[in-house]
C-alpha cells in the first residue's frame, strides 16, 4: 500500500518551549513522527490525513509569545527511509544505554546497545519523554519482573526491560504501524520473548504486572490510568510520561484518587516523568 507523507517544517521563536507545545498539538492532529531541528521541528503525517486548515487553528499559532512559520512538502512513500536516515542520530543515555539505527556502529563500554529501525513510530529516545523513561528504567530493578509497556511505539522501552532481565514483557500500541515496527525491533534485538499486541487498554484483562510504563498523551493517561492500576501488583509501580510539566497536578490528582503515591519524578525541558507506587 502506497503511503505518501507530508513533511511539516516549522521555524519557531522562542525555540524550546514553542517546539514542545507545537509537537504536542501536532500529535493530537495525528502527526506520527518528529525530528527536532536547530530552528524548530519537522513533523510527518500521512498525506491522506493532512488538513492544513486544522494547522491554522492550533492555539500555539495564536499565542502572542510565539512566532512560528512553516512549509509543507510531500515525501513519496519510497523515499521515507532515506529521509529518516538522514535525520536519525544515535542517543546515549547516561553512558549506559545507546540507541542507534542499524546503519550506526556500536560503541564500547555500553551496558545496553539497542538497535532501532523507527520508520514512522514514536520512541527513539530523541524526545524528552522517552529519554526520561529510559533514564528511570536504568535505575530501577527489573530482573524477574512482569513489565507492561503501554503505547510502546518502536518498542525501545520494552527492549530495554528485556535486556535488564525482566521475566515477562508485554508491549501494546493502538497504531498498526507501531505494532509492526515494535515486532521488527524486538526481533532485531533478539528479544523475541516480548509479547507485542495491537490495541489499547481494553487488552488489559488477564495479567498482573510489577511495573507498568505509560508514555502517552495526558488525556489517554487520565482516561486509562484506572485500568493500569487494576493490573499492577500490590507493591507495583506505574511510570508515567508524555505530558507537560504544567499537567502534573491533574495527573497527580487522578493518581492519588486511585491510591498511588509519588516516589520519584524527573524533568527534561518542559516534560515530566512520574514514578507512582501502590501505597
Protein backbone atom coordinates (compact mmCIF):
# COMPACT_ATOMS: atom_id res chain seq x y z
CA UNK A 1 0.00 0.00 0.00
CA UNK A 2 1.40 3.38 -1.03
CA UNK A 3 1.68 5.87 1.86
CA UNK A 4 2.84 9.32 0.84
CA UNK A 5 3.62 11.68 3.72
CA UNK A 6 3.53 15.39 4.37
CA UNK A 7 6.68 16.87 5.87
CA UNK A 8 5.73 19.85 8.01
CA UNK A 9 8.82 22.02 8.62
CA UNK A 10 8.38 24.72 11.27
CA UNK A 11 10.63 27.59 12.38
CA UNK A 12 9.87 28.60 15.97
CA UNK A 13 10.81 31.62 18.12
CA UNK A 14 11.41 31.20 21.04
CA UNK A 15 12.55 27.69 20.24
CA UNK A 16 12.42 25.29 23.21
CA UNK A 17 9.00 25.92 24.75
CA UNK A 18 7.36 26.72 21.44
CA UNK A 19 8.64 23.48 19.93
CA UNK A 20 7.35 21.36 22.80
CA UNK A 21 3.89 22.91 22.62
CA UNK A 22 3.74 22.61 18.83
CA UNK A 23 4.78 18.94 18.91
CA UNK A 24 2.09 18.15 21.47
CA UNK A 25 -0.61 19.90 19.43
CA UNK A 26 0.51 18.30 16.16
CA UNK A 27 0.43 14.87 17.83
CA UNK A 28 -3.23 15.47 18.66
CA UNK A 29 -3.86 16.02 14.93
CA UNK A 30 -2.35 12.66 14.05
CA UNK A 31 1.24 13.58 13.20
CA UNK A 32 3.26 10.42 13.72
CA UNK A 33 6.93 11.33 13.88
CA UNK A 34 9.01 14.35 14.86
CA UNK A 35 12.59 15.42 14.22
CA UNK A 36 13.94 18.40 16.15
CA UNK A 37 15.98 20.89 14.10
CA UNK A 38 18.14 23.87 15.05
CA UNK A 39 15.32 26.21 14.02
CA UNK A 40 12.26 24.24 15.08
CA UNK A 41 10.84 20.85 14.16
CA UNK A 42 10.00 18.61 11.23
CA UNK A 43 6.80 16.59 11.66
CA UNK A 44 5.30 13.88 9.49
CA UNK A 45 1.74 12.81 8.77
CA UNK A 46 0.14 10.67 6.07
CA UNK A 47 -0.94 12.80 3.12
CA UNK A 48 -4.49 11.47 3.29
CA UNK A 49 -4.75 12.58 6.95
CA UNK A 50 -3.40 16.11 6.42
CA UNK A 51 -5.82 19.07 6.57
CA UNK A 52 -3.96 22.40 6.50
CA UNK A 53 -6.95 24.31 7.89
CA UNK A 54 -6.59 22.34 11.14
CA UNK A 55 -2.98 23.55 11.45
CA UNK A 56 -4.07 27.17 11.24
CA UNK A 57 -6.44 26.64 14.18
CA UNK A 58 -3.77 25.37 16.61
CA UNK A 59 -3.63 27.56 19.70
CA UNK A 60 0.15 27.99 19.57
CA UNK A 61 -0.21 29.92 16.29
CA UNK A 62 -2.49 32.41 18.05
CA UNK A 63 -0.26 32.85 21.10
CA UNK A 64 1.43 36.25 21.04
CA UNK A 65 4.50 34.82 22.81
CA UNK A 66 5.48 32.67 19.80
CA UNK A 67 6.44 33.43 16.24
CA UNK A 68 6.01 30.32 14.09
CA UNK A 69 6.23 29.87 10.34
CA UNK A 70 6.09 26.63 8.39
CA UNK A 71 6.31 25.00 4.98
CA UNK A 72 4.95 21.67 3.80
CA UNK A 73 6.37 19.17 1.35
CA UNK A 74 5.12 15.82 0.03
CA UNK A 75 7.50 12.91 0.64
CA UNK A 76 6.76 9.91 -1.59
CA UNK A 77 6.46 6.62 0.26
CA UNK A 78 9.57 5.11 -1.31
CA UNK A 79 11.75 7.98 -0.08
CA UNK A 80 10.81 7.84 3.61
CA UNK A 81 13.60 5.55 4.81
CA UNK A 82 16.24 7.82 3.26
CA UNK A 83 14.58 10.82 4.92
CA UNK A 84 14.70 9.48 8.47
CA UNK A 85 18.17 8.01 7.99
CA UNK A 86 19.44 11.50 7.22
CA UNK A 87 17.85 12.82 10.43
CA UNK A 88 18.37 9.99 12.91
CA UNK A 89 21.33 10.37 15.24
CA UNK A 90 22.27 7.89 18.00
CA UNK A 91 21.18 8.63 21.57
CA UNK A 92 23.42 8.00 24.58
CA UNK A 93 21.60 7.93 27.95
CA UNK A 94 23.93 8.30 30.94
CA UNK A 95 26.69 6.41 29.09
CA UNK A 96 24.73 3.24 29.86
CA UNK A 97 22.16 2.88 27.10
CA UNK A 98 22.98 3.56 23.45
CA UNK A 99 20.11 3.73 20.98
CA UNK A 100 21.15 3.59 17.34
CA UNK A 101 19.88 2.71 13.90
CA UNK A 102 21.15 -0.37 12.05
CA UNK A 103 23.49 1.78 9.95
CA UNK A 104 25.29 3.21 13.02
CA UNK A 105 28.31 1.49 14.56
CA UNK A 106 28.06 0.29 18.13
CA UNK A 107 30.35 1.87 20.73
CA UNK A 108 32.41 0.30 23.50
CA UNK A 109 31.68 0.17 27.23
CA UNK A 110 27.89 0.47 26.94
CA UNK A 111 25.69 -1.81 29.05
CA UNK A 112 22.68 -1.73 26.75
CA UNK A 113 23.10 -1.40 23.00
CA UNK A 114 19.67 -1.09 21.33
CA UNK A 115 19.18 -1.05 17.57
CA UNK A 116 16.01 0.73 16.49
CA UNK A 117 14.59 0.99 12.99
CA UNK A 118 11.97 3.63 13.80
CA UNK A 119 10.23 4.18 10.47
CA UNK A 120 7.07 6.07 11.45
CA UNK A 121 6.88 5.02 15.11
CA UNK A 122 7.37 7.23 18.15
CA UNK A 123 10.09 6.26 20.61
CA UNK A 124 13.70 6.61 19.55
CA UNK A 125 14.94 8.35 22.69
CA UNK A 126 15.15 11.72 20.95
CA UNK A 127 12.03 13.03 22.60
CA UNK A 128 12.33 14.11 26.22
CA UNK A 129 9.63 11.74 27.45
CA UNK A 130 11.28 8.63 26.01
CA UNK A 131 14.65 9.80 27.29
CA UNK A 132 13.21 10.28 30.80
CA UNK A 133 11.65 6.82 30.76
CA UNK A 134 14.90 5.19 29.67
CA UNK A 135 16.82 7.07 32.34
CA UNK A 136 14.44 5.84 35.04
CA UNK A 137 14.35 2.25 33.81
CA UNK A 138 18.13 2.19 34.02
CA UNK A 139 17.90 2.94 37.75
CA UNK A 140 15.16 0.58 38.91
CA UNK A 141 15.23 -3.19 39.41
CA UNK A 142 13.59 -5.09 36.56
CA UNK A 143 15.07 -8.56 36.91
CA UNK A 144 12.35 -11.17 37.32
CA UNK A 145 9.58 -8.59 36.98
CA UNK A 146 6.48 -8.55 34.81
CA UNK A 147 6.57 -5.34 32.75
CA UNK A 148 3.89 -3.69 30.62
CA UNK A 149 4.78 -1.04 28.02
CA UNK A 150 1.63 0.87 27.00
CA UNK A 151 1.88 2.94 23.85
CA UNK A 152 5.10 1.12 23.04
CA UNK A 153 5.89 2.86 19.73
CA UNK A 154 9.17 1.40 18.47
CA UNK A 155 9.31 -0.96 21.46
CA UNK A 156 12.51 0.60 22.78
CA UNK A 157 11.37 0.62 26.43
CA UNK A 158 10.19 -2.99 26.30
CA UNK A 159 13.50 -3.99 24.71
CA UNK A 160 15.45 -2.28 27.50
CA UNK A 161 13.31 -4.08 30.08
CA UNK A 162 14.15 -7.40 28.46
CA UNK A 163 17.85 -6.55 28.38
CA UNK A 164 17.57 -5.86 32.11
CA UNK A 165 16.21 -9.39 32.57
CA UNK A 166 12.53 -8.70 33.12
CA UNK A 167 10.70 -12.02 33.31
CA UNK A 168 7.68 -11.28 31.12
CA UNK A 169 7.11 -8.18 28.96
CA UNK A 170 4.01 -7.10 27.11
CA UNK A 171 4.16 -4.18 24.65
CA UNK A 172 0.92 -2.65 23.38
CA UNK A 173 0.19 0.04 20.80
CA UNK A 174 -3.05 1.10 19.16
CA UNK A 175 -1.30 2.08 15.92
CA UNK A 176 -0.77 -0.73 13.43
CA UNK A 177 2.46 0.76 12.05
CA UNK A 178 3.91 1.00 15.55
CA UNK A 179 2.76 -2.56 16.29
CA UNK A 180 4.58 -3.93 13.24
CA UNK A 181 7.64 -1.78 13.90
CA UNK A 182 7.84 -2.95 17.53
CA UNK A 183 7.75 -6.58 16.39
CA UNK A 184 10.58 -5.87 13.92
CA UNK A 185 12.68 -4.12 16.56
CA UNK A 186 12.20 -6.81 19.21
CA UNK A 187 13.38 -9.41 16.72
CA UNK A 188 16.35 -7.31 15.63
CA UNK A 189 17.46 -7.08 19.28
CA UNK A 190 16.97 -10.80 19.99
CA UNK A 191 14.05 -10.04 22.29
CA UNK A 192 11.56 -12.40 20.69
CA UNK A 193 10.03 -13.24 24.07
CA UNK A 194 8.37 -9.80 24.25
CA UNK A 195 4.65 -10.16 23.52
CA UNK A 196 3.63 -7.31 21.18
CA UNK A 197 -0.11 -6.65 20.89
CA UNK A 198 -2.22 -4.35 18.74
CA UNK A 199 -4.84 -2.41 20.69
CA UNK A 200 -5.37 -0.27 23.76
CA UNK A 201 -6.24 -0.58 27.44
CA UNK A 202 -9.13 -2.93 26.60
CA UNK A 203 -6.48 -5.68 26.28
CA UNK A 204 -5.57 -5.44 29.98
CA UNK A 205 -7.67 -8.27 31.37
CA UNK A 206 -5.57 -11.23 32.48
CA UNK A 207 -2.01 -10.49 33.65
CA UNK A 208 -0.70 -8.70 36.74
CA UNK A 209 2.37 -6.53 36.25
CA UNK A 210 5.03 -5.35 38.67
CA UNK A 211 5.84 -2.31 36.53
CA UNK A 212 3.59 -0.51 34.06
CA UNK A 213 5.16 2.02 31.68
CA UNK A 214 2.81 4.50 30.00
CA UNK A 215 4.40 7.14 27.79
CA UNK A 216 1.27 8.55 26.14
CA UNK A 217 -0.51 11.90 26.00
CA UNK A 218 -2.20 13.42 29.04
CA UNK A 219 -5.79 12.69 28.03
CA UNK A 220 -5.16 8.99 27.44
CA UNK A 221 -3.24 8.69 30.71
CA UNK A 222 -6.14 10.18 32.66
CA UNK A 223 -8.73 8.06 30.84
CA UNK A 224 -6.88 4.74 31.20
CA UNK A 225 -4.99 5.15 34.49
CA UNK A 226 -7.56 3.19 36.49
CA UNK A 227 -7.18 0.24 34.09
CA UNK A 228 -3.41 0.37 34.53
CA UNK A 229 -3.73 0.38 38.31
CA UNK A 230 -6.06 -2.62 38.23
CA UNK A 231 -3.31 -4.66 36.56
CA UNK A 232 -0.49 -3.57 38.92
CA UNK A 233 0.62 -5.92 41.71
CA UNK A 234 0.30 -4.99 45.39
CA UNK A 235 3.68 -3.27 45.59
CA UNK A 236 3.83 -2.41 41.91
CA UNK A 237 4.94 0.73 40.11
CA UNK A 238 3.42 2.96 37.45
CA UNK A 239 5.75 5.13 35.35
CA UNK A 240 4.02 7.99 33.54
CA UNK A 241 5.32 10.39 30.92
CA UNK A 242 4.17 12.02 27.70
CA UNK A 243 2.82 15.20 29.27
CA UNK A 244 3.92 18.76 30.01
CA UNK A 245 5.07 19.72 33.49
CA UNK A 246 2.07 22.05 33.82
CA UNK A 247 -0.18 18.97 33.63
CA UNK A 248 1.45 17.26 36.61
CA UNK A 249 -1.25 18.34 39.09
CA UNK A 250 -4.19 16.92 37.15
CA UNK A 251 -2.36 13.61 36.73
CA UNK A 252 -1.36 13.52 40.40
CA UNK A 253 -4.96 14.19 41.44
CA UNK A 254 -6.08 11.20 39.41
CA UNK A 255 -3.23 9.01 40.70
CA UNK A 256 -3.93 9.94 44.33
CA UNK A 257 -7.61 9.07 43.91
CA UNK A 258 -6.51 5.61 42.77
CA UNK A 259 -4.30 5.02 45.81
CA UNK A 260 -0.94 5.77 44.19
CA UNK A 261 1.93 7.56 45.93
CA UNK A 262 4.54 9.69 44.17
CA UNK A 263 8.01 8.27 44.85
CA UNK A 264 10.15 9.89 42.15
CA UNK A 265 9.92 12.50 39.42
CA UNK A 266 12.25 13.93 36.81
CA UNK A 267 12.09 16.77 34.31
CA UNK A 268 13.64 17.46 30.93
CA UNK A 269 12.86 20.85 29.44
CA UNK A 270 9.08 21.19 29.89
CA UNK A 271 8.30 17.47 30.10
CA UNK A 272 7.89 15.30 33.22
CA UNK A 273 8.22 11.66 34.27
CA UNK A 274 6.42 10.44 37.41
CA UNK A 275 7.03 7.24 39.34
CA UNK A 276 3.93 6.22 41.29
CA UNK A 277 3.81 3.24 43.64
CA UNK A 278 0.86 1.44 45.17
CA UNK A 279 0.51 2.54 48.77
